Amino acid sequence: MTKEYLTTFEAAKIMSVTPDAVLKWIKSGKLKARRTPGGHHRIAKKNIDELLDISQKTHPSAEKQKSFPYCWEFNQKNCPGDCEDCLVYKISAKGCYKIFHFPEDYGHLKLNCDTSCEDCNYYKHIHTNN
């Protein structure tokens, strides 16, 4: 049975971001959420799927997500030095490709994105080693 509404922690886990990032998106209106009588946020699963544009895909398990390097670690030699300004770095996203399709105003600088995600060496490394 799939939960219809998720906590900010659960949403963060699915999107491979921190719960603080989810709260910021809720407060800025980029992610719709409801408030419980106790003041906590609940996010409809469909809103997360819409944001990520992956309603037809399954989410990787958290256990699998822990076993690979961040993109800036993998691309250390190719990182132009602006990684600290990228959303992926700021929210410690595990897998830049998971938020590649976020609108540009979210701050994903796509510093090592010369090709599609499927052709990226980092993406290939993650998907062949996990």
N, C-alpha and C. Protein backbone atom coordinates (compact mmCIF):
# COMPACT_ATOMS: atom_id res chain seq x y z
N MET A 1 0.83 -1.17 0.00
CA MET A 1 0.00 0.00 0.00
C MET A 1 0.89 1.25 0.00
N THR A 2 0.70 2.12 -0.98
CA THR A 2 1.48 3.32 -1.11
C THR A 2 0.81 4.46 -0.36
N LYS A 3 1.60 5.20 0.40
CA LYS A 3 1.07 6.36 1.11
C LYS A 3 0.75 7.47 0.12
N GLU A 4 -0.39 8.13 0.33
CA GLU A 4 -0.79 9.23 -0.55
C GLU A 4 -0.08 10.53 -0.16
N TYR A 5 0.12 10.73 1.15
CA TYR A 5 0.79 11.94 1.64
C TYR A 5 2.04 11.54 2.41
N LEU A 6 3.10 12.32 2.22
CA LEU A 6 4.39 12.03 2.83
C LEU A 6 4.83 13.16 3.74
N THR A 7 5.65 12.82 4.71
CA THR A 7 6.26 13.83 5.57
C THR A 7 7.37 14.53 4.78
N THR A 8 7.87 15.63 5.30
CA THR A 8 8.97 16.31 4.61
C THR A 8 10.21 15.42 4.58
N PHE A 9 10.41 14.64 5.62
CA PHE A 9 11.55 13.72 5.65
C PHE A 9 11.42 12.65 4.56
N GLU A 10 10.23 12.07 4.44
CA GLU A 10 10.00 11.04 3.41
C GLU A 10 10.14 11.63 2.01
N ALA A 11 9.61 12.83 1.81
CA ALA A 11 9.72 13.50 0.51
C ALA A 11 11.19 13.78 0.18
N ALA A 12 11.94 14.22 1.18
CA ALA A 12 13.36 14.50 0.98
C ALA A 12 14.11 13.24 0.57
N LYS A 13 13.78 12.14 1.20
CA LYS A 13 14.44 10.87 0.90
C LYS A 13 14.18 10.47 -0.56
N ILE A 14 12.94 10.62 -1.01
CA ILE A 14 12.59 10.27 -2.38
C ILE A 14 13.31 11.16 -3.38
N MET A 15 13.41 12.45 -3.06
CA MET A 15 14.03 13.40 -3.98
C MET A 15 15.53 13.53 -3.80
N SER A 16 16.09 12.78 -2.85
CA SER A 16 17.53 12.80 -2.57
C SER A 16 18.02 14.19 -2.21
N VAL A 17 17.25 14.87 -1.37
CA VAL A 17 17.62 16.19 -0.87
C VAL A 17 17.44 16.18 0.65
N THR A 18 17.76 17.28 1.28
CA THR A 18 17.58 17.38 2.73
C THR A 18 16.15 17.79 3.04
N PRO A 19 15.65 17.47 4.23
CA PRO A 19 14.32 17.94 4.62
C PRO A 19 14.23 19.47 4.61
N ASP A 20 15.33 20.15 4.90
CA ASP A 20 15.33 21.62 4.85
C ASP A 20 15.06 22.13 3.43
N ALA A 21 15.60 21.45 2.44
CA ALA A 21 15.35 21.85 1.05
C ALA A 21 13.87 21.71 0.72
N VAL A 22 13.26 20.63 1.18
CA VAL A 22 11.82 20.42 0.95
C VAL A 22 11.02 21.54 1.61
N LEU A 23 11.37 21.89 2.84
CA LEU A 23 10.67 22.98 3.54
C LEU A 23 10.83 24.31 2.81
N LYS A 24 12.01 24.57 2.28
CA LYS A 24 12.23 25.81 1.53
C LYS A 24 11.36 25.84 0.28
N TRP A 25 11.24 24.70 -0.41
CA TRP A 25 10.42 24.65 -1.62
C TRP A 25 8.94 24.84 -1.27
N ILE A 26 8.53 24.29 -0.13
CA ILE A 26 7.13 24.47 0.32
C ILE A 26 6.88 25.94 0.63
N LYS A 27 7.76 26.55 1.40
CA LYS A 27 7.59 27.95 1.81
C LYS A 27 7.65 28.91 0.62
N SER A 28 8.43 28.55 -0.41
CA SER A 28 8.53 29.42 -1.58
C SER A 28 7.41 29.15 -2.59
N GLY A 29 6.60 28.11 -2.35
CA GLY A 29 5.50 27.81 -3.25
C GLY A 29 5.86 26.91 -4.41
N LYS A 30 7.09 26.41 -4.44
CA LYS A 30 7.53 25.53 -5.54
C LYS A 30 7.05 24.10 -5.36
N LEU A 31 6.64 23.76 -4.14
CA LEU A 31 6.11 22.43 -3.85
C LEU A 31 4.87 22.61 -2.98
N LYS A 32 3.76 22.10 -3.45
CA LYS A 32 2.51 22.23 -2.71
C LYS A 32 2.46 21.21 -1.57
N ALA A 33 1.95 21.67 -0.43
CA ALA A 33 1.84 20.80 0.74
C ALA A 33 0.65 21.25 1.59
N ARG A 34 0.18 20.34 2.43
CA ARG A 34 -0.88 20.63 3.39
C ARG A 34 -0.26 20.69 4.77
N ARG A 35 -0.96 21.34 5.70
CA ARG A 35 -0.49 21.37 7.08
C ARG A 35 -1.42 20.52 7.93
N THR A 36 -0.83 19.80 8.84
CA THR A 36 -1.61 18.99 9.78
C THR A 36 -2.09 19.91 10.90
N PRO A 37 -3.06 19.48 11.70
CA PRO A 37 -3.48 20.29 12.85
C PRO A 37 -2.32 20.62 13.79
N GLY A 38 -1.31 19.78 13.81
CA GLY A 38 -0.14 20.01 14.65
C GLY A 38 0.90 20.93 14.02
N GLY A 39 0.64 21.38 12.78
CA GLY A 39 1.55 22.32 12.11
C GLY A 39 2.61 21.69 11.22
N HIS A 40 2.58 20.38 11.07
CA HIS A 40 3.55 19.70 10.20
C HIS A 40 3.06 19.73 8.76
N HIS A 41 3.99 19.60 7.84
CA HIS A 41 3.64 19.58 6.42
C HIS A 41 3.46 18.16 5.93
N ARG A 42 2.52 17.97 5.03
CA ARG A 42 2.32 16.70 4.34
C ARG A 42 2.25 17.00 2.85
N ILE A 43 3.02 16.26 2.08
CA ILE A 43 3.12 16.49 0.65
C ILE A 43 2.47 15.33 -0.08
N ALA A 44 1.58 15.65 -1.01
CA ALA A 44 0.94 14.62 -1.81
C ALA A 44 1.99 13.98 -2.71
N LYS A 45 1.99 12.68 -2.77
CA LYS A 45 2.95 11.94 -3.60
C LYS A 45 2.88 12.43 -5.04
N LYS A 46 1.67 12.75 -5.51
CA LYS A 46 1.51 13.21 -6.90
C LYS A 46 2.23 14.53 -7.13
N ASN A 47 2.32 15.39 -6.11
CA ASN A 47 3.04 16.65 -6.26
C ASN A 47 4.54 16.42 -6.41
N ILE A 48 5.05 15.43 -5.70
CA ILE A 48 6.46 15.09 -5.83
C ILE A 48 6.72 14.51 -7.22
N ASP A 49 5.86 13.61 -7.66
CA ASP A 49 6.02 13.03 -8.99
C ASP A 49 5.96 14.09 -10.08
N GLU A 50 5.07 15.04 -9.92
CA GLU A 50 4.96 16.13 -10.90
C GLU A 50 6.23 16.97 -10.89
N LEU A 51 6.73 17.28 -9.71
CA LEU A 51 7.94 18.08 -9.60
C LEU A 51 9.12 17.37 -10.24
N LEU A 52 9.26 16.13 -9.99
CA LEU A 52 10.38 15.36 -10.53
C LEU A 52 10.14 14.85 -11.95
N ASP A 53 8.88 14.93 -12.37
CA ASP A 53 8.50 14.44 -13.69
C ASP A 53 8.88 12.97 -13.88
N ILE A 54 8.60 12.18 -12.83
CA ILE A 54 8.95 10.76 -12.91
C ILE A 54 7.78 9.87 -12.48
N SER A 55 6.59 10.27 -12.78
CA SER A 55 5.43 9.52 -12.29
C SER A 55 5.40 8.08 -12.83
N GLN A 56 6.11 7.83 -13.91
CA GLN A 56 6.12 6.48 -14.47
C GLN A 56 7.31 5.64 -14.01
N LYS A 57 8.19 6.25 -13.20
CA LYS A 57 9.41 5.54 -12.76
C LYS A 57 9.30 5.19 -11.29
N THR A 58 10.07 4.23 -10.86
CA THR A 58 10.12 3.90 -9.43
C THR A 58 11.29 4.64 -8.80
N HIS A 59 11.17 4.92 -7.52
CA HIS A 59 12.22 5.63 -6.80
C HIS A 59 13.23 4.62 -6.27
N PRO A 60 14.53 4.94 -6.41
CA PRO A 60 15.54 4.01 -5.88
C PRO A 60 15.47 3.95 -4.36
N SER A 61 15.89 2.83 -3.84
CA SER A 61 15.86 2.68 -2.38
C SER A 61 16.92 3.55 -1.72
N ALA A 62 16.66 3.97 -0.51
CA ALA A 62 17.61 4.81 0.22
C ALA A 62 18.92 4.05 0.45
N GLU A 63 18.83 2.75 0.64
CA GLU A 63 20.02 1.94 0.85
C GLU A 63 20.94 2.02 -0.35
N LYS A 64 20.38 1.96 -1.55
CA LYS A 64 21.17 2.03 -2.76
C LYS A 64 21.76 3.43 -2.94
N GLN A 65 21.03 4.44 -2.55
CA GLN A 65 21.49 5.81 -2.72
C GLN A 65 22.75 6.09 -1.90
N LYS A 66 22.93 5.45 -0.77
CA LYS A 66 24.06 5.72 0.11
C LYS A 66 25.38 5.20 -0.44
N SER A 67 25.33 4.36 -1.45
CA SER A 67 26.53 3.66 -1.87
C SER A 67 27.31 4.31 -3.01
N PHE A 68 27.04 5.54 -3.35
CA PHE A 68 27.80 6.15 -4.42
C PHE A 68 28.23 7.58 -4.10
N PRO A 69 29.24 8.09 -4.81
CA PRO A 69 29.76 9.43 -4.53
C PRO A 69 28.85 10.53 -5.06
N TYR A 70 29.00 11.72 -4.53
CA TYR A 70 28.30 12.89 -5.06
C TYR A 70 28.92 13.24 -6.41
N CYS A 71 28.16 13.96 -7.24
CA CYS A 71 28.67 14.29 -8.58
C CYS A 71 29.94 15.15 -8.50
N TRP A 72 30.00 16.08 -7.53
CA TRP A 72 31.18 16.95 -7.45
C TRP A 72 32.40 16.17 -6.98
N GLU A 73 32.20 15.08 -6.25
CA GLU A 73 33.32 14.22 -5.87
C GLU A 73 33.80 13.43 -7.08
N PHE A 74 32.85 12.89 -7.83
CA PHE A 74 33.19 12.11 -9.02
C PHE A 74 33.87 12.99 -10.07
N ASN A 75 33.36 14.20 -10.25
CA ASN A 75 33.87 15.12 -11.28
C ASN A 75 34.92 16.08 -10.72
N GLN A 76 35.56 15.71 -9.65
CA GLN A 76 36.50 16.57 -8.94
C GLN A 76 37.49 17.24 -9.89
N LYS A 77 38.05 16.50 -10.81
CA LYS A 77 39.06 17.06 -11.72
C LYS A 77 38.41 17.98 -12.75
N ASN A 78 37.12 17.75 -13.06
CA ASN A 78 36.45 18.55 -14.09
C ASN A 78 35.61 19.67 -13.51
N CYS A 79 35.52 19.75 -12.19
CA CYS A 79 34.67 20.76 -11.56
C CYS A 79 35.31 22.13 -11.76
N PRO A 80 34.58 23.05 -12.40
CA PRO A 80 35.15 24.37 -12.70
C PRO A 80 35.31 25.28 -11.49
N GLY A 81 35.07 24.78 -10.30
CA GLY A 81 35.23 25.59 -9.10
C GLY A 81 33.96 26.28 -8.65
N ASP A 82 32.91 26.16 -9.44
CA ASP A 82 31.63 26.78 -9.09
C ASP A 82 30.66 25.79 -8.48
N CYS A 83 31.12 24.60 -8.17
CA CYS A 83 30.23 23.57 -7.64
C CYS A 83 29.50 24.05 -6.38
N GLU A 84 30.18 24.85 -5.56
CA GLU A 84 29.57 25.34 -4.32
C GLU A 84 28.34 26.20 -4.57
N ASP A 85 28.20 26.76 -5.78
CA ASP A 85 27.06 27.61 -6.12
C ASP A 85 25.91 26.82 -6.74
N CYS A 86 26.11 25.54 -6.97
CA CYS A 86 25.11 24.70 -7.63
C CYS A 86 24.14 24.10 -6.61
N LEU A 87 22.87 24.01 -6.97
CA LEU A 87 21.85 23.43 -6.11
C LEU A 87 22.22 22.02 -5.68
N VAL A 88 22.78 21.24 -6.57
CA VAL A 88 23.15 19.86 -6.26
C VAL A 88 24.10 19.83 -5.07
N TYR A 89 25.08 20.70 -5.07
CA TYR A 89 26.05 20.80 -3.97
C TYR A 89 25.38 21.35 -2.71
N LYS A 90 24.62 22.42 -2.85
CA LYS A 90 24.01 23.09 -1.70
C LYS A 90 23.08 22.19 -0.89
N ILE A 91 22.35 21.31 -1.59
CA ILE A 91 21.41 20.44 -0.89
C ILE A 91 21.93 19.02 -0.74
N SER A 92 23.18 18.82 -1.14
CA SER A 92 23.82 17.50 -1.05
C SER A 92 22.98 16.42 -1.73
N ALA A 93 22.52 16.72 -2.92
CA ALA A 93 21.70 15.77 -3.68
C ALA A 93 22.55 14.57 -4.09
N LYS A 94 22.02 13.41 -3.87
CA LYS A 94 22.71 12.19 -4.28
C LYS A 94 22.23 11.83 -5.68
N GLY A 95 22.94 12.32 -6.66
CA GLY A 95 22.59 12.07 -8.05
C GLY A 95 22.05 13.33 -8.70
N CYS A 96 22.94 14.11 -9.31
CA CYS A 96 22.53 15.35 -9.98
C CYS A 96 21.48 15.09 -11.04
N TYR A 97 21.53 13.92 -11.65
CA TYR A 97 20.59 13.56 -12.71
C TYR A 97 19.15 13.46 -12.22
N LYS A 98 18.98 13.30 -10.90
CA LYS A 98 17.62 13.20 -10.36
C LYS A 98 16.90 14.54 -10.36
N ILE A 99 17.67 15.61 -10.34
CA ILE A 99 17.03 16.93 -10.35
C ILE A 99 17.39 17.72 -11.60
N PHE A 100 17.92 17.05 -12.60
CA PHE A 100 18.33 17.70 -13.85
C PHE A 100 17.19 18.48 -14.49
N HIS A 101 15.98 17.95 -14.42
CA HIS A 101 14.86 18.57 -15.11
C HIS A 101 14.14 19.64 -14.29
N PHE A 102 14.67 19.98 -13.11
CA PHE A 102 14.09 21.07 -12.34
C PHE A 102 14.26 22.36 -13.15
N PRO A 103 13.35 23.29 -13.04
CA PRO A 103 13.50 24.57 -13.75
C PRO A 103 14.80 25.26 -13.35
N GLU A 104 15.36 26.04 -14.27
CA GLU A 104 16.66 26.68 -14.04
C GLU A 104 16.69 27.56 -12.79
N ASP A 105 15.57 28.17 -12.44
CA ASP A 105 15.58 29.07 -11.29
C ASP A 105 15.75 28.33 -9.96
N TYR A 106 15.77 27.02 -9.98
CA TYR A 106 16.05 26.25 -8.77
C TYR A 106 17.55 26.27 -8.46
N GLY A 107 18.38 26.51 -9.46
CA GLY A 107 19.81 26.66 -9.21
C GLY A 107 20.71 25.51 -9.59
N HIS A 108 20.20 24.49 -10.32
CA HIS A 108 21.08 23.41 -10.80
C HIS A 108 21.90 24.00 -11.95
N LEU A 109 23.20 24.22 -11.73
CA LEU A 109 24.04 24.90 -12.71
C LEU A 109 24.49 24.01 -13.86
N LYS A 110 24.33 22.70 -13.73
CA LYS A 110 24.67 21.75 -14.79
C LYS A 110 26.12 21.96 -15.29
N LEU A 111 27.03 22.08 -14.34
CA LEU A 111 28.41 22.41 -14.64
C LEU A 111 29.15 21.33 -15.43
N ASN A 112 28.77 20.08 -15.24
CA ASN A 112 29.43 18.99 -15.96
C ASN A 112 28.47 18.32 -16.94
N CYS A 113 27.47 19.05 -17.38
CA CYS A 113 26.42 18.48 -18.25
C CYS A 113 26.62 18.90 -19.70
N ASP A 114 27.58 18.27 -20.38
CA ASP A 114 27.80 18.55 -21.79
C ASP A 114 26.95 17.65 -22.67
N THR A 115 26.41 16.60 -22.07
CA THR A 115 25.62 15.63 -22.83
C THR A 115 24.34 15.34 -22.04
N SER A 116 23.58 14.38 -22.52
CA SER A 116 22.40 13.96 -21.77
C SER A 116 22.85 13.17 -20.55
N CYS A 117 21.97 13.03 -19.58
CA CYS A 117 22.33 12.28 -18.38
C CYS A 117 22.75 10.85 -18.73
N GLU A 118 22.05 10.23 -19.66
CA GLU A 118 22.36 8.84 -20.03
C GLU A 118 23.75 8.69 -20.64
N ASP A 119 24.30 9.78 -21.21
CA ASP A 119 25.63 9.75 -21.81
C ASP A 119 26.72 10.25 -20.87
N CYS A 120 26.34 10.71 -19.69
CA CYS A 120 27.27 11.27 -18.71
C CYS A 120 28.07 10.16 -18.03
N ASN A 121 29.37 10.37 -17.86
CA ASN A 121 30.23 9.37 -17.21
C ASN A 121 29.81 9.11 -15.77
N TYR A 122 29.38 10.16 -15.07
CA TYR A 122 28.93 9.99 -13.67
C TYR A 122 27.68 9.12 -13.64
N TYR A 123 26.72 9.43 -14.48
CA TYR A 123 25.47 8.65 -14.55
C TYR A 123 25.77 7.18 -14.88
N LYS A 124 26.63 6.96 -15.85
CA LYS A 124 27.01 5.59 -16.22
C LYS A 124 27.68 4.87 -15.06
N HIS A 125 28.56 5.59 -14.35
CA HIS A 125 29.26 5.01 -13.20
C HIS A 125 28.27 4.55 -12.14
N ILE A 126 27.33 5.40 -11.82
CA ILE A 126 26.33 5.09 -10.79
C ILE A 126 25.47 3.90 -11.21
N HIS A 127 25.03 3.89 -12.43
CA HIS A 127 24.10 2.86 -12.87
C HIS A 127 24.75 1.53 -13.24
N THR A 128 26.07 1.51 -13.39
CA THR A 128 26.74 0.23 -13.65
C THR A 128 27.35 -0.35 -12.38
N ASN A 129 27.57 0.51 -11.37
CA ASN A 129 28.19 0.05 -10.13
C ASN A 129 27.21 -0.16 -8.99
N ASN A 130 25.94 0.07 -9.21
CA ASN A 130 24.96 -0.10 -8.13
C ASN A 130 23.87 -1.01 -8.58
